[in-house]
Amino acid sequence: MGPVKNSSSATRSARVEEMRRAERARERRNRILTVAASVVVVAGLVVGGVVLVRSQSDSGGSGKKDTAASGDAKNSAKNSSGDSGHFTTGKDGVRTWSGKLSRTHVTTDVTYPMHPPVGGNHNPVWLDCNGTVYDKPVHDENAVHALEHGAVWVTYTGAAAKADVSALAAKVKRTPYSLMSPYEKQDAPLILSAWGHQVAVKSAKDPEVDKFFAAYVQGEQTPEPGASCTGGVMQ
């Protein structure tokens, strides 16, 4: 029986030793992998640091300022009408915009170079202009879109005679592709506007009223002739 016990003991010892060798081998592999991973991380940090330094150097070391400046420029572009040029006045008193009138759709407020505006960047939704009379101020951005569709926009200030306001409102109501609203920022009590054209009239009986409507309601100046004047914004 003695030799059998010795054989079993030797077998267990050999198995334990084999397990220890395997464990030591695993530990070595783990150490190697850990060291390798550390090297990769450190290398990545070094490369990232170099790129960051170069980036700041290229931007003059003021990356935040550049970003802010870029943002200001974008906001300024969004708020711009995109227009350039000036009015020229004809013998009939009609002012015609000489230059560029942009037509980009924007969803921000727009600063126009003329009041009321006669064109420029505008809201994607037009103002209803099917002989529509508004008793409160409307958004320039929607009204300009109506002008793009060939509408004539009648505007008035508090200095306009009530009789003239009533008479012009009646004319607008019976004229498709026209609209009317109060507008305090304009230079004259009564103004008629179309895309690229504008005239101040003395009263509702001023001959220029009928002439302007005849020339510019769906006139040759219309960028989008036949486009709808209904289904837009009612304000």
Protein backbone atom coordinates (compact mmCIF):
# COMPACT_ATOMS: atom_id res chain seq x y z
CA MET A 1 0.00 0.00 0.00
CA GLY A 2 2.95 2.38 0.69
CA PRO A 3 4.01 2.77 -2.93
CA VAL A 4 0.41 3.61 -3.96
CA LYS A 5 0.18 6.51 -1.46
CA ASN A 6 3.49 7.89 -2.63
CA SER A 7 2.27 7.74 -6.24
CA SER A 8 -0.95 9.66 -5.42
CA SER A 9 0.98 12.28 -3.45
CA ALA A 10 3.41 12.73 -6.30
CA THR A 11 0.55 13.15 -8.77
CA ARG A 12 -1.12 15.84 -6.63
CA SER A 13 2.18 17.66 -6.19
CA ALA A 14 2.74 17.63 -9.94
CA ARG A 15 -0.78 18.95 -10.56
CA VAL A 16 -0.35 21.75 -8.00
CA GLU A 17 2.98 22.71 -9.49
CA GLU A 18 1.41 22.81 -12.96
CA MET A 19 -1.38 25.08 -11.69
CA ARG A 20 1.20 27.38 -10.07
CA ARG A 21 3.15 27.62 -13.31
CA ALA A 22 -0.05 28.46 -15.20
CA GLU A 23 -0.92 31.12 -12.64
CA ARG A 24 2.55 32.65 -12.88
CA ALA A 25 2.24 32.66 -16.67
CA ARG A 26 -1.11 34.47 -16.45
CA GLU A 27 0.35 37.06 -14.10
CA ARG A 28 3.21 37.72 -16.52
CA ARG A 29 0.76 38.14 -19.42
CA ASN A 30 -1.39 40.53 -17.39
CA ARG A 31 1.63 42.65 -16.45
CA ILE A 32 2.69 42.85 -20.09
CA LEU A 33 -0.82 43.89 -21.21
CA THR A 34 -1.05 46.50 -18.46
CA VAL A 35 2.27 48.04 -19.42
CA ALA A 36 1.31 48.05 -23.10
CA ALA A 37 -2.03 49.73 -22.37
CA SER A 38 -0.31 52.38 -20.26
CA VAL A 39 2.09 53.13 -23.09
CA VAL A 40 -0.81 53.58 -25.53
CA VAL A 41 -2.68 55.93 -23.17
CA VAL A 42 0.39 58.05 -22.50
CA ALA A 43 1.15 58.25 -26.22
CA GLY A 44 -2.40 59.35 -26.91
CA LEU A 45 -2.22 62.07 -24.28
CA VAL A 46 1.04 63.33 -25.70
CA VAL A 47 -0.31 63.45 -29.26
CA GLY A 48 -3.52 65.14 -28.11
CA GLY A 49 -1.55 67.73 -26.19
CA VAL A 50 0.57 68.52 -29.21
CA VAL A 51 -2.52 68.92 -31.44
CA LEU A 52 -4.19 71.19 -28.89
CA VAL A 53 -1.12 73.39 -28.55
CA ARG A 54 -0.79 73.66 -32.32
CA SER A 55 -4.47 74.49 -32.67
CA GLN A 56 -4.24 77.26 -30.11
CA SER A 57 -1.08 78.52 -31.72
CA ASP A 58 -2.72 78.62 -35.16
CA SER A 59 -5.65 80.60 -33.76
CA GLY A 60 -3.37 83.04 -32.00
CA GLY A 61 -3.92 81.38 -28.63
CA SER A 62 -7.47 82.77 -28.40
CA GLY A 63 -9.71 79.95 -29.52
CA LYS A 64 -12.64 81.14 -27.42
CA LYS A 65 -12.50 84.62 -28.91
CA ASP A 66 -12.45 83.22 -32.43
CA THR A 67 -15.49 81.07 -31.67
CA ALA A 68 -17.37 84.01 -30.22
CA ALA A 69 -16.49 86.18 -33.18
CA SER A 70 -17.67 83.49 -35.54
CA GLY A 71 -20.94 83.21 -33.63
CA ASP A 72 -21.46 86.97 -33.77
CA ALA A 73 -20.89 86.94 -37.51
CA LYS A 74 -23.41 84.15 -37.97
CA ASN A 75 -26.02 85.95 -35.88
CA SER A 76 -25.39 89.17 -37.79
CA ALA A 77 -25.83 87.33 -41.09
CA LYS A 78 -29.07 85.77 -39.88
CA ASN A 79 -30.53 89.16 -38.90
CA SER A 80 -29.45 90.88 -42.10
CA SER A 81 -31.92 91.53 -44.92
CA GLY A 82 -29.18 90.73 -47.41
CA ASP A 83 -30.12 93.89 -49.33
CA SER A 84 -27.70 96.33 -50.89
CA GLY A 85 -28.38 99.45 -52.90
CA HIS A 86 -30.59 102.53 -52.56
CA PHE A 87 -33.83 104.14 -53.69
CA THR A 88 -34.08 106.27 -56.80
CA THR A 89 -37.15 108.47 -57.16
CA GLY A 90 -38.99 108.82 -60.46
CA LYS A 91 -40.93 111.83 -61.75
CA ASP A 92 -44.15 110.23 -60.52
CA GLY A 93 -42.77 110.06 -56.99
CA VAL A 94 -42.40 106.27 -57.03
CA ARG A 95 -39.17 105.17 -55.38
CA THR A 96 -37.49 102.16 -56.98
CA TRP A 97 -34.83 100.13 -55.21
CA SER A 98 -31.63 100.07 -57.25
CA GLY A 99 -29.47 97.17 -56.15
CA LYS A 100 -29.96 93.75 -54.64
CA LEU A 101 -33.06 92.49 -52.82
CA SER A 102 -32.33 89.11 -51.28
CA ARG A 103 -34.95 86.38 -51.14
CA THR A 104 -33.61 83.88 -48.60
CA HIS A 105 -36.07 82.34 -46.15
CA VAL A 106 -35.09 82.97 -42.51
CA THR A 107 -36.82 82.34 -39.19
CA THR A 108 -35.16 85.21 -37.30
CA ASP A 109 -36.09 88.88 -37.08
CA VAL A 110 -34.65 90.85 -39.98
CA THR A 111 -33.23 94.38 -39.97
CA TYR A 112 -34.27 96.10 -43.20
CA PRO A 113 -32.66 99.23 -44.67
CA MET A 114 -36.05 100.77 -45.51
CA HIS A 115 -39.40 101.16 -43.73
CA PRO A 116 -41.66 99.60 -44.68
CA PRO A 117 -39.38 97.08 -46.38
CA VAL A 118 -39.81 96.41 -50.10
CA GLY A 119 -37.84 93.16 -50.25
CA GLY A 120 -35.06 91.15 -48.71
CA ASN A 121 -34.70 88.00 -46.66
CA HIS A 122 -38.04 87.04 -45.15
CA ASN A 123 -40.03 84.47 -43.21
CA PRO A 124 -40.91 81.22 -45.01
CA VAL A 125 -44.62 81.92 -44.35
CA TRP A 126 -46.26 84.81 -46.17
CA LEU A 127 -48.86 87.16 -44.73
CA ASP A 128 -52.39 86.60 -46.01
CA CYS A 129 -52.86 89.24 -48.71
CA ASN A 130 -56.17 88.42 -50.38
CA GLY A 131 -57.58 91.90 -49.82
CA THR A 132 -56.75 91.60 -46.13
CA VAL A 133 -56.95 94.58 -43.77
CA TYR A 134 -55.13 94.27 -40.45
CA ASP A 135 -55.98 96.60 -37.58
CA LYS A 136 -52.69 95.89 -35.77
CA PRO A 137 -49.03 96.01 -36.92
CA VAL A 138 -47.79 92.90 -38.72
CA HIS A 139 -44.36 91.32 -38.91
CA ASP A 140 -42.18 92.79 -41.66
CA GLU A 141 -40.73 89.36 -42.42
CA ASN A 142 -44.15 87.89 -43.32
CA ALA A 143 -45.30 90.99 -45.20
CA VAL A 144 -42.18 90.97 -47.38
CA HIS A 145 -43.02 87.41 -48.39
CA ALA A 146 -46.45 88.66 -49.48
CA LEU A 147 -44.72 91.30 -51.63
CA GLU A 148 -42.67 88.52 -53.19
CA HIS A 149 -45.99 86.97 -54.27
CA GLY A 150 -46.97 90.20 -56.04
CA ALA A 151 -49.03 91.97 -53.38
CA VAL A 152 -49.32 95.71 -52.76
CA TRP A 153 -49.00 96.65 -49.08
CA VAL A 154 -50.77 99.80 -47.85
CA THR A 155 -49.43 101.19 -44.56
CA TYR A 156 -50.40 104.19 -42.46
CA THR A 157 -49.43 106.01 -39.28
CA GLY A 158 -51.55 107.64 -36.59
CA ALA A 159 -51.17 110.93 -38.47
CA ALA A 160 -53.23 109.65 -41.42
CA ALA A 161 -56.78 110.99 -41.73
CA LYS A 162 -59.41 108.46 -40.67
CA ALA A 163 -61.35 109.06 -43.90
CA ASP A 164 -58.29 108.16 -45.98
CA VAL A 165 -57.64 105.05 -43.91
CA SER A 166 -61.25 103.91 -44.36
CA ALA A 167 -61.24 104.60 -48.11
CA LEU A 168 -57.95 102.74 -48.65
CA ALA A 169 -59.19 99.84 -46.52
CA ALA A 170 -62.25 99.57 -48.74
CA LYS A 171 -60.05 99.51 -51.86
CA VAL A 172 -57.82 96.80 -50.39
CA LYS A 173 -60.80 94.65 -49.41
CA ARG A 174 -61.98 94.51 -53.01
CA THR A 175 -58.48 93.92 -54.44
CA PRO A 176 -56.92 90.44 -54.36
CA TYR A 177 -53.14 90.48 -53.82
CA SER A 178 -53.24 93.48 -51.52
CA LEU A 179 -53.08 94.06 -47.76
CA MET A 180 -53.13 96.93 -45.31
CA SER A 181 -51.80 97.52 -41.80
CA PRO A 182 -50.71 100.32 -39.43
CA TYR A 183 -46.99 101.12 -39.49
CA GLU A 184 -45.60 103.84 -37.24
CA LYS A 185 -41.93 103.71 -38.32
CA GLN A 186 -42.51 105.12 -41.81
CA ASP A 187 -41.72 108.71 -42.87
CA ALA A 188 -45.12 109.59 -44.35
CA PRO A 189 -48.71 109.06 -43.11
CA LEU A 190 -49.70 106.95 -46.15
CA ILE A 191 -47.34 104.67 -48.09
CA LEU A 192 -47.92 102.01 -50.74
CA SER A 193 -45.26 99.32 -51.21
CA ALA A 194 -44.60 96.53 -53.69
CA TRP A 195 -41.52 94.37 -54.27
CA GLY A 196 -38.76 96.89 -55.00
CA HIS A 197 -41.13 99.87 -55.27
CA GLN A 198 -42.72 102.36 -52.88
CA VAL A 199 -44.64 105.63 -52.98
CA ALA A 200 -46.01 108.06 -50.42
CA VAL A 201 -49.48 109.38 -51.29
CA LYS A 202 -51.22 112.50 -50.00
CA SER A 203 -54.64 110.94 -49.57
CA ALA A 204 -56.86 108.08 -50.69
CA LYS A 205 -57.90 110.28 -53.65
CA ASP A 206 -54.32 110.77 -54.83
CA PRO A 207 -54.20 109.61 -58.50
CA GLU A 208 -51.03 107.68 -57.68
CA VAL A 209 -53.08 105.21 -55.61
CA ASP A 210 -54.88 103.74 -58.61
CA LYS A 211 -51.75 103.95 -60.77
CA PHE A 212 -49.68 102.07 -58.20
CA PHE A 213 -52.27 99.32 -57.78
CA ALA A 214 -52.63 98.94 -61.55
CA ALA A 215 -48.87 98.72 -62.07
CA TYR A 216 -47.78 96.56 -59.15
CA VAL A 217 -50.60 94.19 -58.12
CA GLN A 218 -49.12 91.03 -59.69
CA GLY A 219 -46.98 93.40 -61.76
CA GLU A 220 -43.80 92.74 -63.71
CA GLN A 221 -41.71 93.26 -60.55
CA THR A 222 -43.24 90.15 -58.92
CA PRO A 223 -40.55 87.53 -58.17
CA GLU A 224 -43.16 84.75 -57.79
CA PRO A 225 -46.17 85.62 -59.99
CA GLY A 226 -49.27 83.56 -59.27
CA ALA A 227 -48.05 82.38 -55.85
CA SER A 228 -50.79 82.14 -53.24
CA CYS A 229 -51.96 85.06 -51.13
CA THR A 230 -54.07 82.83 -48.88
CA GLY A 231 -53.14 80.07 -46.46
CA GLY A 232 -50.40 82.12 -44.84
CA VAL A 233 -50.33 83.98 -41.53
CA MET A 234 -53.26 85.96 -40.20
CA GLN A 235 -52.21 88.52 -37.57
